[in-house]
Amino acid sequence: MEKNGLFLCSIGFLIILFSMKPGNMQLDVYSLTTGVALVALGGWLFFKGKKKSEQQNGGK
């Protein structure tokens, strides 16, 4: 679960990075919104998986 969350975060950050079009300096709001949603979802999955793995390992 942790690796899936980190993967979604990285894809979301790439989408945010490329949401600005350098030719006309306009921001694509739909790409930015999608990127932020993927980063939020990936962070949620990462911390959920981290908490679950810590409970299985006895708090280590």
N, C-alpha and C. Protein backbone atom coordinates (compact mmCIF):
# COMPACT_ATOMS: atom_id res chain seq x y z
N MET A 1 0.82 -1.19 0.00
CA MET A 1 0.00 0.00 0.00
C MET A 1 0.87 1.26 0.00
N GLU A 2 1.98 1.20 0.71
CA GLU A 2 2.82 2.39 0.81
C GLU A 2 3.41 2.75 -0.55
N LYS A 3 3.85 1.75 -1.28
CA LYS A 3 4.46 2.03 -2.59
C LYS A 3 3.43 2.54 -3.59
N ASN A 4 2.21 2.03 -3.49
CA ASN A 4 1.15 2.52 -4.38
C ASN A 4 0.85 3.99 -4.10
N GLY A 5 0.84 4.36 -2.83
CA GLY A 5 0.60 5.75 -2.47
C GLY A 5 1.70 6.67 -2.96
N LEU A 6 2.94 6.23 -2.83
CA LEU A 6 4.06 7.04 -3.31
C LEU A 6 4.04 7.17 -4.82
N PHE A 7 3.62 6.11 -5.51
CA PHE A 7 3.51 6.17 -6.96
C PHE A 7 2.45 7.19 -7.39
N LEU A 8 1.29 7.17 -6.72
CA LEU A 8 0.24 8.14 -7.05
C LEU A 8 0.70 9.57 -6.76
N CYS A 9 1.44 9.76 -5.67
CA CYS A 9 1.97 11.09 -5.35
C CYS A 9 2.92 11.57 -6.45
N SER A 10 3.78 10.70 -6.91
CA SER A 10 4.74 11.12 -7.94
C SER A 10 4.05 11.44 -9.25
N ILE A 11 3.04 10.67 -9.62
CA ILE A 11 2.28 10.97 -10.83
C ILE A 11 1.53 12.29 -10.67
N GLY A 12 0.96 12.52 -9.50
CA GLY A 12 0.26 13.77 -9.23
C GLY A 12 1.19 14.98 -9.31
N PHE A 13 2.40 14.85 -8.76
CA PHE A 13 3.36 15.96 -8.83
C PHE A 13 3.80 16.23 -10.27
N LEU A 14 3.94 15.18 -11.07
CA LEU A 14 4.28 15.39 -12.48
C LEU A 14 3.15 16.10 -13.23
N ILE A 15 1.91 15.74 -12.94
CA ILE A 15 0.78 16.41 -13.58
C ILE A 15 0.74 17.87 -13.17
N ILE A 16 0.99 18.15 -11.89
CA ILE A 16 1.02 19.55 -11.43
C ILE A 16 2.14 20.31 -12.12
N LEU A 17 3.27 19.67 -12.27
CA LEU A 17 4.43 20.31 -12.91
C LEU A 17 4.12 20.70 -14.35
N PHE A 18 3.42 19.83 -15.07
CA PHE A 18 3.13 20.08 -16.47
C PHE A 18 1.77 20.74 -16.71
N SER A 19 1.11 21.21 -15.67
CA SER A 19 -0.19 21.86 -15.86
C SER A 19 -0.03 23.29 -16.38
N MET A 20 1.16 23.87 -16.25
CA MET A 20 1.42 25.21 -16.79
C MET A 20 1.97 25.05 -18.20
N LYS A 21 1.33 25.71 -19.15
CA LYS A 21 1.79 25.65 -20.53
C LYS A 21 2.78 26.79 -20.76
N PRO A 22 4.03 26.46 -21.06
CA PRO A 22 5.05 27.52 -21.16
C PRO A 22 4.89 28.43 -22.38
N GLY A 23 4.22 27.98 -23.41
CA GLY A 23 4.08 28.80 -24.61
C GLY A 23 3.26 30.05 -24.39
N ASN A 24 2.13 29.89 -23.70
CA ASN A 24 1.26 31.04 -23.49
C ASN A 24 1.11 31.38 -22.01
N MET A 25 1.85 30.70 -21.13
CA MET A 25 1.86 30.93 -19.68
C MET A 25 0.45 30.90 -19.08
N GLN A 26 -0.35 29.93 -19.51
CA GLN A 26 -1.68 29.75 -18.95
C GLN A 26 -1.71 28.46 -18.14
N LEU A 27 -2.44 28.50 -17.06
CA LEU A 27 -2.57 27.35 -16.18
C LEU A 27 -3.79 26.53 -16.58
N ASP A 28 -3.59 25.24 -16.77
CA ASP A 28 -4.70 24.34 -17.07
C ASP A 28 -5.29 23.88 -15.73
N VAL A 29 -6.46 24.42 -15.40
CA VAL A 29 -7.06 24.18 -14.10
C VAL A 29 -7.46 22.72 -13.91
N TYR A 30 -7.90 22.06 -14.96
CA TYR A 30 -8.31 20.66 -14.86
C TYR A 30 -7.11 19.76 -14.55
N SER A 31 -5.99 20.01 -15.18
CA SER A 31 -4.79 19.22 -14.90
C SER A 31 -4.30 19.49 -13.48
N LEU A 32 -4.35 20.74 -13.07
CA LEU A 32 -3.92 21.09 -11.71
C LEU A 32 -4.81 20.42 -10.67
N THR A 33 -6.11 20.42 -10.90
CA THR A 33 -7.04 19.78 -9.97
C THR A 33 -6.82 18.27 -9.92
N THR A 34 -6.60 17.66 -11.07
CA THR A 34 -6.32 16.23 -11.11
C THR A 34 -5.03 15.90 -10.37
N GLY A 35 -4.00 16.71 -10.56
CA GLY A 35 -2.73 16.49 -9.88
C GLY A 35 -2.85 16.61 -8.38
N VAL A 36 -3.57 17.62 -7.91
CA VAL A 36 -3.76 17.80 -6.47
C VAL A 36 -4.56 16.64 -5.89
N ALA A 37 -5.56 16.18 -6.61
CA ALA A 37 -6.36 15.05 -6.14
C ALA A 37 -5.51 13.78 -6.05
N LEU A 38 -4.64 13.55 -7.03
CA LEU A 38 -3.78 12.37 -6.98
C LEU A 38 -2.76 12.44 -5.85
N VAL A 39 -2.24 13.63 -5.60
CA VAL A 39 -1.30 13.79 -4.49
C VAL A 39 -2.00 13.53 -3.16
N ALA A 40 -3.21 14.05 -3.01
CA ALA A 40 -3.97 13.84 -1.77
C ALA A 40 -4.32 12.37 -1.59
N LEU A 41 -4.78 11.72 -2.64
CA LEU A 41 -5.12 10.30 -2.57
C LEU A 41 -3.88 9.46 -2.28
N GLY A 42 -2.77 9.77 -2.93
CA GLY A 42 -1.54 9.03 -2.68
C GLY A 42 -1.02 9.21 -1.27
N GLY A 43 -1.12 10.43 -0.74
CA GLY A 43 -0.70 10.66 0.63
C GLY A 43 -1.56 9.91 1.62
N TRP A 44 -2.87 9.89 1.36
CA TRP A 44 -3.78 9.15 2.22
C TRP A 44 -3.46 7.66 2.20
N LEU A 45 -3.23 7.09 1.02
CA LEU A 45 -2.89 5.67 0.91
C LEU A 45 -1.56 5.37 1.58
N PHE A 46 -0.59 6.27 1.43
CA PHE A 46 0.72 6.05 2.03
C PHE A 46 0.62 6.01 3.55
N PHE A 47 -0.03 6.99 4.15
CA PHE A 47 -0.10 7.04 5.61
C PHE A 47 -1.00 5.94 6.17
N LYS A 48 -2.02 5.56 5.43
CA LYS A 48 -2.87 4.44 5.85
C LYS A 48 -2.06 3.14 5.85
N GLY A 49 -1.28 2.91 4.79
CA GLY A 49 -0.46 1.71 4.72
C GLY A 49 0.67 1.72 5.74
N LYS A 50 1.20 2.90 6.02
CA LYS A 50 2.27 3.00 7.01
C LYS A 50 1.75 2.66 8.40
N LYS A 51 0.57 3.17 8.73
CA LYS A 51 -0.02 2.89 10.03
C LYS A 51 -0.33 1.39 10.17
N LYS A 52 -0.82 0.81 9.09
CA LYS A 52 -1.18 -0.62 9.13
C LYS A 52 0.07 -1.48 9.28
N SER A 53 1.15 -1.12 8.61
CA SER A 53 2.38 -1.91 8.72
C SER A 53 3.03 -1.74 10.09
N GLU A 54 2.87 -0.57 10.69
CA GLU A 54 3.41 -0.38 12.04
C GLU A 54 2.64 -1.20 13.06
N GLN A 55 1.33 -1.35 12.88
CA GLN A 55 0.54 -2.16 13.79
C GLN A 55 0.90 -3.64 13.64
N GLN A 56 1.20 -4.09 12.44
CA GLN A 56 1.56 -5.48 12.22
C GLN A 56 2.95 -5.79 12.79
N ASN A 57 3.85 -4.82 12.74
CA ASN A 57 5.22 -5.04 13.22
C ASN A 57 5.38 -4.74 14.70
N GLY A 58 4.33 -4.42 15.39
CA GLY A 58 4.40 -4.19 16.82
C GLY A 58 4.91 -2.80 17.18
N GLY A 59 4.71 -1.81 16.34
CA GLY A 59 5.10 -0.45 16.67
C GLY A 59 6.54 -0.10 16.36
N LYS A 60 7.21 -0.94 15.60
CA LYS A 60 8.61 -0.65 15.25
C LYS A 60 8.70 0.23 14.05
